[in-house]
Amino acid sequence: MNSSKMYDKVFTIFGTVMVFFYFGLAIFVLTTKIFNIDKAMRIILSVPLFIYAIYRVFVSYEKIRDVFFSSGDSDE
């Protein structure tokens, strides 16, 4: 197995795990009162995290499809 393909697989899995982290962080910021900030500011902070997490879902899907399910396993 080519080492660059192995790196691609590792970083693809890491990117997918980070999607869950972004969703979790957005929910944590939205629902917790640990930072003593008002609700409007929590919403302002969590909405971009949700949007970025959704963006990363699509990017991760494309990367997973390319790395794991590509039919052309040619070693170049």
N, C-alpha and C. Protein backbone atom coordinates (compact mmCIF):
# COMPACT_ATOMS: atom_id res chain seq x y z
N MET A 1 0.84 -1.18 0.00
CA MET A 1 0.00 0.00 0.00
C MET A 1 0.89 1.24 0.00
N ASN A 2 0.54 2.18 -0.80
CA ASN A 2 1.28 3.42 -0.91
C ASN A 2 1.11 4.25 0.36
N SER A 3 2.20 4.86 0.81
CA SER A 3 2.12 5.62 2.07
C SER A 3 1.24 6.86 1.92
N SER A 4 1.20 7.46 0.73
CA SER A 4 0.34 8.63 0.56
C SER A 4 -1.14 8.24 0.64
N LYS A 5 -1.48 7.05 0.17
CA LYS A 5 -2.86 6.58 0.30
C LYS A 5 -3.21 6.34 1.76
N MET A 6 -2.26 5.85 2.53
CA MET A 6 -2.48 5.63 3.95
C MET A 6 -2.70 6.96 4.66
N TYR A 7 -1.90 7.97 4.33
CA TYR A 7 -2.08 9.30 4.91
C TYR A 7 -3.45 9.86 4.54
N ASP A 8 -3.85 9.68 3.29
CA ASP A 8 -5.17 10.15 2.87
C ASP A 8 -6.27 9.50 3.69
N LYS A 9 -6.15 8.21 3.94
CA LYS A 9 -7.17 7.51 4.72
C LYS A 9 -7.20 8.00 6.16
N VAL A 10 -6.03 8.19 6.75
CA VAL A 10 -5.96 8.65 8.14
C VAL A 10 -6.56 10.05 8.27
N PHE A 11 -6.18 10.95 7.36
CA PHE A 11 -6.70 12.31 7.44
C PHE A 11 -8.18 12.37 7.09
N THR A 12 -8.65 11.48 6.27
CA THR A 12 -10.08 11.42 5.98
C THR A 12 -10.86 11.01 7.22
N ILE A 13 -10.37 10.01 7.92
CA ILE A 13 -11.03 9.57 9.16
C ILE A 13 -10.96 10.68 10.21
N PHE A 14 -9.82 11.35 10.31
CA PHE A 14 -9.68 12.45 11.27
C PHE A 14 -10.66 13.58 10.94
N GLY A 15 -10.80 13.91 9.67
CA GLY A 15 -11.74 14.94 9.26
C GLY A 15 -13.18 14.59 9.60
N THR A 16 -13.51 13.31 9.48
CA THR A 16 -14.85 12.85 9.82
C THR A 16 -15.09 12.95 11.32
N VAL A 17 -14.10 12.62 12.11
CA VAL A 17 -14.22 12.74 13.56
C VAL A 17 -14.38 14.21 13.95
N MET A 18 -13.68 15.09 13.26
CA MET A 18 -13.78 16.51 13.55
C MET A 18 -15.17 17.06 13.26
N VAL A 19 -15.89 16.47 12.32
CA VAL A 19 -17.27 16.89 12.06
C VAL A 19 -18.10 16.72 13.32
N PHE A 20 -17.96 15.57 13.98
CA PHE A 20 -18.69 15.34 15.23
C PHE A 20 -18.25 16.31 16.32
N PHE A 21 -16.96 16.64 16.34
CA PHE A 21 -16.47 17.61 17.30
C PHE A 21 -17.11 18.98 17.09
N TYR A 22 -17.20 19.42 15.82
CA TYR A 22 -17.80 20.73 15.53
C TYR A 22 -19.27 20.76 15.92
N PHE A 23 -20.00 19.68 15.60
CA PHE A 23 -21.41 19.63 16.02
C PHE A 23 -21.53 19.64 17.54
N GLY A 24 -20.69 18.87 18.20
CA GLY A 24 -20.72 18.82 19.66
C GLY A 24 -20.37 20.14 20.29
N LEU A 25 -19.36 20.82 19.75
CA LEU A 25 -18.98 22.12 20.28
C LEU A 25 -20.09 23.14 20.07
N ALA A 26 -20.75 23.10 18.93
CA ALA A 26 -21.86 24.02 18.68
C ALA A 26 -23.00 23.79 19.66
N ILE A 27 -23.33 22.54 19.90
CA ILE A 27 -24.40 22.22 20.85
C ILE A 27 -23.99 22.62 22.27
N PHE A 28 -22.72 22.37 22.61
CA PHE A 28 -22.22 22.73 23.94
C PHE A 28 -22.30 24.24 24.16
N VAL A 29 -21.84 25.02 23.18
CA VAL A 29 -21.87 26.47 23.31
C VAL A 29 -23.31 26.98 23.39
N LEU A 30 -24.19 26.35 22.62
CA LEU A 30 -25.58 26.80 22.59
C LEU A 30 -26.33 26.49 23.88
N THR A 31 -26.04 25.37 24.49
CA THR A 31 -26.86 24.93 25.62
C THR A 31 -26.26 25.19 27.00
N THR A 32 -24.98 25.45 27.10
CA THR A 32 -24.38 25.60 28.42
C THR A 32 -24.36 27.06 28.85
N LYS A 33 -24.30 27.25 30.13
CA LYS A 33 -24.18 28.60 30.69
C LYS A 33 -22.87 28.74 31.45
N ILE A 34 -21.91 27.91 31.10
CA ILE A 34 -20.64 27.90 31.82
C ILE A 34 -19.81 29.15 31.55
N PHE A 35 -20.00 29.79 30.41
CA PHE A 35 -19.20 30.95 30.04
C PHE A 35 -19.81 32.27 30.51
N ASN A 36 -20.98 32.24 31.11
CA ASN A 36 -21.68 33.43 31.59
C ASN A 36 -21.85 34.48 30.48
N ILE A 37 -22.29 34.03 29.32
CA ILE A 37 -22.61 34.95 28.24
C ILE A 37 -24.09 34.81 27.92
N ASP A 38 -24.67 35.87 27.41
CA ASP A 38 -26.10 35.86 27.18
C ASP A 38 -26.46 34.96 25.99
N LYS A 39 -27.74 34.68 25.88
CA LYS A 39 -28.23 33.72 24.89
C LYS A 39 -27.97 34.18 23.46
N ALA A 40 -28.11 35.47 23.20
CA ALA A 40 -27.87 35.98 21.84
C ALA A 40 -26.42 35.73 21.41
N MET A 41 -25.48 35.95 22.30
CA MET A 41 -24.07 35.72 21.96
C MET A 41 -23.79 34.24 21.77
N ARG A 42 -24.43 33.38 22.56
CA ARG A 42 -24.26 31.93 22.37
C ARG A 42 -24.77 31.51 21.01
N ILE A 43 -25.89 32.08 20.58
CA ILE A 43 -26.44 31.76 19.26
C ILE A 43 -25.50 32.26 18.17
N ILE A 44 -24.98 33.47 18.35
CA ILE A 44 -24.04 34.02 17.36
C ILE A 44 -22.79 33.17 17.25
N LEU A 45 -22.34 32.59 18.34
CA LEU A 45 -21.15 31.73 18.30
C LEU A 45 -21.45 30.34 17.76
N SER A 46 -22.64 29.81 18.04
CA SER A 46 -22.91 28.43 17.65
C SER A 46 -23.40 28.27 16.22
N VAL A 47 -24.05 29.28 15.66
CA VAL A 47 -24.54 29.17 14.28
C VAL A 47 -23.40 28.99 13.28
N PRO A 48 -22.32 29.78 13.35
CA PRO A 48 -21.21 29.50 12.42
C PRO A 48 -20.59 28.11 12.61
N LEU A 49 -20.58 27.63 13.85
CA LEU A 49 -20.06 26.28 14.07
C LEU A 49 -20.95 25.24 13.40
N PHE A 50 -22.26 25.41 13.49
CA PHE A 50 -23.17 24.50 12.80
C PHE A 50 -22.99 24.58 11.28
N ILE A 51 -22.86 25.78 10.76
CA ILE A 51 -22.70 25.95 9.32
C ILE A 51 -21.39 25.30 8.86
N TYR A 52 -20.32 25.51 9.62
CA TYR A 52 -19.04 24.92 9.26
C TYR A 52 -19.10 23.39 9.37
N ALA A 53 -19.80 22.89 10.37
CA ALA A 53 -19.93 21.44 10.51
C ALA A 53 -20.70 20.84 9.33
N ILE A 54 -21.73 21.52 8.89
CA ILE A 54 -22.48 21.03 7.73
C ILE A 54 -21.61 21.07 6.48
N TYR A 55 -20.83 22.13 6.32
CA TYR A 55 -19.89 22.21 5.20
C TYR A 55 -18.89 21.05 5.26
N ARG A 56 -18.37 20.76 6.45
CA ARG A 56 -17.40 19.67 6.59
C ARG A 56 -18.03 18.31 6.34
N VAL A 57 -19.33 18.16 6.58
CA VAL A 57 -20.01 16.90 6.26
C VAL A 57 -19.91 16.64 4.76
N PHE A 58 -20.19 17.65 3.96
CA PHE A 58 -20.12 17.47 2.51
C PHE A 58 -18.69 17.24 2.03
N VAL A 59 -17.74 17.96 2.60
CA VAL A 59 -16.34 17.77 2.21
C VAL A 59 -15.86 16.38 2.62
N SER A 60 -16.24 15.94 3.81
CA SER A 60 -15.84 14.61 4.28
C SER A 60 -16.48 13.52 3.44
N TYR A 61 -17.72 13.73 3.04
CA TYR A 61 -18.38 12.75 2.18
C TYR A 61 -17.63 12.58 0.86
N GLU A 62 -17.27 13.70 0.26
CA GLU A 62 -16.52 13.63 -1.00
C GLU A 62 -15.17 12.95 -0.80
N LYS A 63 -14.49 13.29 0.28
CA LYS A 63 -13.17 12.71 0.55
C LYS A 63 -13.28 11.21 0.83
N ILE A 64 -14.28 10.81 1.60
CA ILE A 64 -14.48 9.38 1.88
C ILE A 64 -14.78 8.62 0.59
N ARG A 65 -15.62 9.21 -0.24
CA ARG A 65 -15.96 8.56 -1.51
C ARG A 65 -14.72 8.42 -2.40
N ASP A 66 -13.89 9.44 -2.44
CA ASP A 66 -12.70 9.39 -3.28
C ASP A 66 -11.64 8.44 -2.74
N VAL A 67 -11.41 8.46 -1.43
CA VAL A 67 -10.32 7.69 -0.85
C VAL A 67 -10.69 6.22 -0.68
N PHE A 68 -11.88 5.93 -0.18
CA PHE A 68 -12.22 4.56 0.15
C PHE A 68 -12.97 3.83 -0.94
N PHE A 69 -13.71 4.53 -1.78
CA PHE A 69 -14.56 3.86 -2.75
C PHE A 69 -14.20 4.16 -4.20
N SER A 70 -13.00 4.64 -4.43
CA SER A 70 -12.61 4.89 -5.82
C SER A 70 -12.23 3.57 -6.47
N SER A 71 -12.65 3.39 -7.70
CA SER A 71 -12.39 2.13 -8.39
C SER A 71 -10.99 2.08 -8.98
N GLY A 72 -10.36 3.21 -9.17
CA GLY A 72 -9.03 3.24 -9.76
C GLY A 72 -7.95 3.20 -8.72
N ASP A 73 -7.51 2.00 -8.35
CA ASP A 73 -6.42 1.85 -7.37
C ASP A 73 -5.09 1.71 -8.09
N SER A 74 -4.76 2.68 -8.90
CA SER A 74 -3.51 2.62 -9.62
C SER A 74 -2.41 3.26 -8.79
N ASP A 75 -1.29 2.59 -8.69
CA ASP A 75 -0.14 3.13 -7.96
C ASP A 75 0.72 3.93 -8.91
N GLU A 76 0.72 5.23 -8.73
CA GLU A 76 1.48 6.10 -9.62
C GLU A 76 2.75 6.55 -8.97
